[in-house]
């Protein structure tokens, strides 16, 4: 007997996508919880993100400070990496 496709309301799809986006939980975990195929939920999440792309809230002061700190650390690590890369011995390629 063929399996019937379930129909979901727009509200259900939106709430399911919000569960993933707002909680930052994996799609597979939320899909198991609400008994939906992970691929289906993934497409709902992608649509939700596309529809709400410009609605990201501005960063808080704490988040800005953390971002600035991470950017500084990233610059320092890149400089160290470049410096260490210059000192590495070069191997000769076989002719």
N, C-alpha and C. Protein backbone atom coordinates (compact mmCIF):
# COMPACT_ATOMS: atom_id res chain seq x y z
N UNK A 1 0.84 -1.18 0.00
CA UNK A 1 0.00 0.00 0.00
C UNK A 1 0.89 1.25 0.00
N UNK A 2 0.67 2.17 -0.92
CA UNK A 2 1.52 3.36 -0.98
C UNK A 2 1.31 4.25 0.25
N UNK A 3 2.40 4.90 0.62
CA UNK A 3 2.35 5.80 1.79
C UNK A 3 1.76 7.14 1.36
N UNK A 4 0.85 7.66 2.16
CA UNK A 4 0.24 8.95 1.85
C UNK A 4 1.16 10.07 2.31
N UNK A 5 1.23 11.10 1.49
CA UNK A 5 2.03 12.28 1.86
C UNK A 5 1.27 13.10 2.87
N UNK A 6 1.97 13.54 3.88
CA UNK A 6 1.34 14.39 4.87
C UNK A 6 1.40 15.83 4.40
N UNK A 7 0.37 16.56 4.71
CA UNK A 7 0.31 17.99 4.38
C UNK A 7 0.57 18.77 5.66
N UNK A 8 1.37 19.81 5.55
CA UNK A 8 1.69 20.64 6.70
C UNK A 8 1.22 22.07 6.42
N UNK A 9 0.73 22.71 7.46
CA UNK A 9 0.27 24.09 7.29
C UNK A 9 1.49 25.02 7.20
N UNK A 10 1.27 26.18 6.67
CA UNK A 10 2.32 27.19 6.58
C UNK A 10 2.82 27.54 7.98
N UNK A 11 1.89 27.62 8.93
CA UNK A 11 2.26 27.96 10.31
C UNK A 11 3.16 26.89 10.92
N UNK A 12 2.85 25.61 10.66
CA UNK A 12 3.67 24.52 11.18
C UNK A 12 5.08 24.59 10.60
N UNK A 13 5.17 24.80 9.29
CA UNK A 13 6.47 24.89 8.62
C UNK A 13 7.29 26.05 9.19
N UNK A 14 6.63 27.18 9.38
CA UNK A 14 7.33 28.36 9.90
C UNK A 14 7.82 28.11 11.32
N UNK A 15 6.98 27.56 12.16
CA UNK A 15 7.37 27.29 13.55
C UNK A 15 8.49 26.25 13.61
N UNK A 16 8.43 25.24 12.77
CA UNK A 16 9.48 24.22 12.74
C UNK A 16 10.81 24.85 12.33
N UNK A 17 10.78 25.70 11.31
CA UNK A 17 12.01 26.36 10.85
C UNK A 17 12.55 27.29 11.94
N UNK A 18 11.65 28.00 12.63
CA UNK A 18 12.08 28.89 13.71
C UNK A 18 12.75 28.11 14.84
N UNK A 19 12.26 26.88 15.09
CA UNK A 19 12.88 26.05 16.13
C UNK A 19 14.35 25.80 15.82
N UNK A 20 14.64 25.56 14.56
CA UNK A 20 16.03 25.30 14.15
C UNK A 20 16.85 26.59 14.21
N UNK A 21 16.33 27.64 13.62
CA UNK A 21 17.08 28.90 13.49
C UNK A 21 17.33 29.55 14.84
N UNK A 22 16.30 29.65 15.66
CA UNK A 22 16.43 30.37 16.92
C UNK A 22 17.16 29.58 17.99
N UNK A 23 17.04 28.26 17.96
CA UNK A 23 17.71 27.44 18.99
C UNK A 23 19.10 27.01 18.55
N UNK A 24 19.40 27.16 17.26
CA UNK A 24 20.68 26.74 16.68
C UNK A 24 20.93 25.25 16.88
N UNK A 25 19.85 24.49 16.97
CA UNK A 25 19.96 23.03 17.08
C UNK A 25 20.07 22.44 15.69
N UNK A 26 20.67 21.26 15.56
CA UNK A 26 20.77 20.63 14.24
C UNK A 26 19.40 20.30 13.67
N UNK A 27 19.30 20.40 12.35
CA UNK A 27 18.04 20.09 11.66
C UNK A 27 17.61 18.67 11.95
N UNK A 28 18.53 17.73 11.93
CA UNK A 28 18.19 16.32 12.16
C UNK A 28 17.56 16.12 13.54
N UNK A 29 18.08 16.80 14.53
CA UNK A 29 17.55 16.66 15.89
C UNK A 29 16.12 17.18 15.98
N UNK A 30 15.87 18.36 15.43
CA UNK A 30 14.53 18.93 15.45
C UNK A 30 13.59 18.08 14.61
N UNK A 31 14.06 17.60 13.47
CA UNK A 31 13.22 16.77 12.60
C UNK A 31 12.76 15.50 13.32
N UNK A 32 13.67 14.86 14.05
CA UNK A 32 13.28 13.68 14.83
C UNK A 32 12.22 14.03 15.86
N UNK A 33 12.43 15.17 16.51
CA UNK A 33 11.53 15.61 17.57
C UNK A 33 10.10 15.85 17.06
N UNK A 34 9.98 16.43 15.89
CA UNK A 34 8.65 16.76 15.36
C UNK A 34 8.17 15.75 14.30
N UNK A 35 8.92 14.66 14.11
CA UNK A 35 8.55 13.57 13.20
C UNK A 35 8.39 14.03 11.76
N UNK A 36 9.44 14.71 11.27
CA UNK A 36 9.47 15.20 9.89
C UNK A 36 10.80 14.75 9.28
N UNK A 37 10.79 14.50 7.99
CA UNK A 37 12.01 14.13 7.29
C UNK A 37 13.02 15.28 7.37
N UNK A 38 14.30 15.00 7.70
CA UNK A 38 15.30 16.07 7.80
C UNK A 38 15.46 16.88 6.51
N UNK A 39 15.34 16.25 5.36
CA UNK A 39 15.45 16.97 4.10
C UNK A 39 14.31 17.96 3.91
N UNK A 40 13.13 17.54 4.33
CA UNK A 40 11.96 18.42 4.24
C UNK A 40 12.15 19.62 5.16
N UNK A 41 12.54 19.36 6.41
CA UNK A 41 12.76 20.45 7.35
C UNK A 41 13.88 21.36 6.87
N UNK A 42 14.91 20.79 6.27
CA UNK A 42 16.02 21.59 5.73
C UNK A 42 15.54 22.58 4.68
N UNK A 43 14.63 22.14 3.83
CA UNK A 43 14.13 23.06 2.81
C UNK A 43 13.25 24.14 3.44
N UNK A 44 12.51 23.80 4.50
CA UNK A 44 11.72 24.81 5.20
C UNK A 44 12.62 25.85 5.84
N UNK A 45 13.72 25.38 6.43
CA UNK A 45 14.67 26.28 7.08
C UNK A 45 15.31 27.21 6.05
N UNK A 46 15.71 26.66 4.92
CA UNK A 46 16.32 27.47 3.86
C UNK A 46 15.35 28.55 3.38
N UNK A 47 14.09 28.19 3.20
CA UNK A 47 13.08 29.17 2.76
C UNK A 47 12.88 30.22 3.84
N UNK A 48 12.81 29.79 5.09
CA UNK A 48 12.62 30.73 6.20
C UNK A 48 13.78 31.73 6.25
N UNK A 49 15.00 31.21 6.12
CA UNK A 49 16.17 32.10 6.16
C UNK A 49 16.16 33.07 4.99
N UNK A 50 15.78 32.59 3.82
CA UNK A 50 15.73 33.48 2.64
C UNK A 50 14.66 34.55 2.82
N UNK A 51 13.53 34.17 3.38
CA UNK A 51 12.43 35.12 3.58
C UNK A 51 12.73 36.14 4.67
N UNK A 52 13.59 35.79 5.62
CA UNK A 52 13.87 36.66 6.77
C UNK A 52 15.33 37.12 6.81
N UNK A 53 15.98 37.16 5.67
CA UNK A 53 17.41 37.47 5.61
C UNK A 53 17.75 38.84 6.17
N UNK A 54 16.95 39.84 5.93
CA UNK A 54 17.26 41.20 6.37
C UNK A 54 16.81 41.52 7.78
N UNK A 55 16.30 40.53 8.50
CA UNK A 55 15.72 40.77 9.81
C UNK A 55 16.65 40.45 10.98
N UNK A 56 17.93 40.26 10.70
CA UNK A 56 18.85 39.93 11.79
C UNK A 56 18.95 41.11 12.75
N UNK A 57 18.85 40.83 14.05
CA UNK A 57 18.97 41.92 15.01
C UNK A 57 20.41 42.43 15.07
N UNK A 58 20.59 43.69 15.40
CA UNK A 58 21.95 44.22 15.52
C UNK A 58 22.69 43.55 16.67
N UNK A 59 24.01 43.55 16.57
CA UNK A 59 24.83 42.93 17.61
C UNK A 59 24.74 43.71 18.91
N UNK A 60 24.77 42.97 20.02
CA UNK A 60 24.80 43.62 21.32
C UNK A 60 26.21 44.13 21.58
N UNK A 61 26.38 44.92 22.61
CA UNK A 61 27.71 45.44 22.95
C UNK A 61 28.66 44.30 23.26
N UNK A 62 28.19 43.30 23.97
CA UNK A 62 29.01 42.14 24.30
C UNK A 62 29.43 41.39 23.04
N UNK A 63 28.48 41.20 22.11
CA UNK A 63 28.79 40.51 20.86
C UNK A 63 29.78 41.30 20.02
N UNK A 64 29.63 42.63 19.99
CA UNK A 64 30.58 43.46 19.24
C UNK A 64 31.98 43.36 19.82
N UNK A 65 32.08 43.38 21.15
CA UNK A 65 33.38 43.27 21.81
C UNK A 65 34.01 41.92 21.49
N UNK A 66 33.21 40.85 21.54
CA UNK A 66 33.72 39.52 21.24
C UNK A 66 34.16 39.42 19.79
N UNK A 67 33.38 40.00 18.88
CA UNK A 67 33.74 40.00 17.47
C UNK A 67 35.06 40.73 17.25
N UNK A 68 35.23 41.88 17.89
CA UNK A 68 36.46 42.65 17.75
C UNK A 68 37.65 41.84 18.27
N UNK A 69 37.45 41.17 19.40
CA UNK A 69 38.51 40.33 19.99
C UNK A 69 38.87 39.19 19.05
N UNK A 70 37.89 38.55 18.45
CA UNK A 70 38.15 37.44 17.53
C UNK A 70 38.83 37.91 16.25
N UNK A 71 38.46 39.08 15.76
CA UNK A 71 39.11 39.63 14.57
C UNK A 71 40.58 39.93 14.85
N UNK A 72 40.87 40.47 16.03
CA UNK A 72 42.26 40.75 16.41
C UNK A 72 43.05 39.45 16.50
N UNK A 73 42.46 38.45 17.15
CA UNK A 73 43.13 37.15 17.29
C UNK A 73 43.38 36.53 15.92
N UNK A 74 42.41 36.67 15.01
CA UNK A 74 42.56 36.13 13.67
C UNK A 74 43.71 36.80 12.93
N UNK A 75 43.82 38.13 13.04
CA UNK A 75 44.93 38.85 12.39
C UNK A 75 46.27 38.37 12.93
N UNK A 76 46.37 38.22 14.26
CA UNK A 76 47.62 37.77 14.88
C UNK A 76 47.99 36.37 14.43
N UNK A 77 47.01 35.48 14.36
CA UNK A 77 47.29 34.11 13.93
C UNK A 77 47.72 34.06 12.46
N UNK A 78 47.12 34.90 11.63
CA UNK A 78 47.53 34.95 10.22
C UNK A 78 48.97 35.42 10.09
N UNK A 79 49.34 36.44 10.89
CA UNK A 79 50.72 36.93 10.84
C UNK A 79 51.69 35.85 11.31
N UNK A 80 51.37 35.15 12.38
CA UNK A 80 52.23 34.06 12.86
C UNK A 80 52.35 32.97 11.82
N UNK A 81 51.25 32.65 11.18
CA UNK A 81 51.25 31.60 10.16
C UNK A 81 52.14 31.99 8.99
N UNK A 82 52.03 33.24 8.54
CA UNK A 82 52.89 33.71 7.44
C UNK A 82 54.35 33.66 7.84
N UNK A 83 54.65 34.09 9.06
CA UNK A 83 56.03 34.11 9.54
C UNK A 83 56.58 32.69 9.59
N UNK A 84 55.81 31.77 10.15
CA UNK A 84 56.28 30.38 10.26
C UNK A 84 56.39 29.72 8.89
N UNK A 85 55.53 30.11 7.96
CA UNK A 85 55.59 29.55 6.62
C UNK A 85 56.83 29.98 5.88
N UNK A 86 57.34 31.17 6.16
CA UNK A 86 58.55 31.66 5.50
C UNK A 86 59.79 30.93 6.00
N UNK A 87 59.75 30.46 7.22
CA UNK A 87 60.93 29.80 7.79
C UNK A 87 60.97 28.31 7.54
N UNK A 88 59.93 27.75 6.97
CA UNK A 88 59.89 26.31 6.73
C UNK A 88 60.86 25.96 5.61
N UNK A 89 61.59 24.86 5.77
CA UNK A 89 62.55 24.46 4.74
C UNK A 89 61.82 24.04 3.47
N UNK A 90 62.38 24.40 2.35
CA UNK A 90 61.80 24.06 1.05
C UNK A 90 62.35 22.71 0.62
N UNK A 91 61.50 21.88 0.08
CA UNK A 91 61.97 20.58 -0.43
C UNK A 91 62.19 20.71 -1.92
N UNK A 92 63.18 20.02 -2.40
CA UNK A 92 63.47 20.06 -3.84
C UNK A 92 62.61 19.00 -4.51
N UNK A 93 62.02 19.39 -5.62
CA UNK A 93 61.20 18.43 -6.37
C UNK A 93 62.12 17.58 -7.21
N UNK A 94 61.75 16.31 -7.34
CA UNK A 94 62.54 15.38 -8.13
C UNK A 94 62.43 15.75 -9.60
N UNK A 95 63.56 15.67 -10.30
CA UNK A 95 63.58 16.05 -11.71
C UNK A 95 63.22 14.92 -12.60
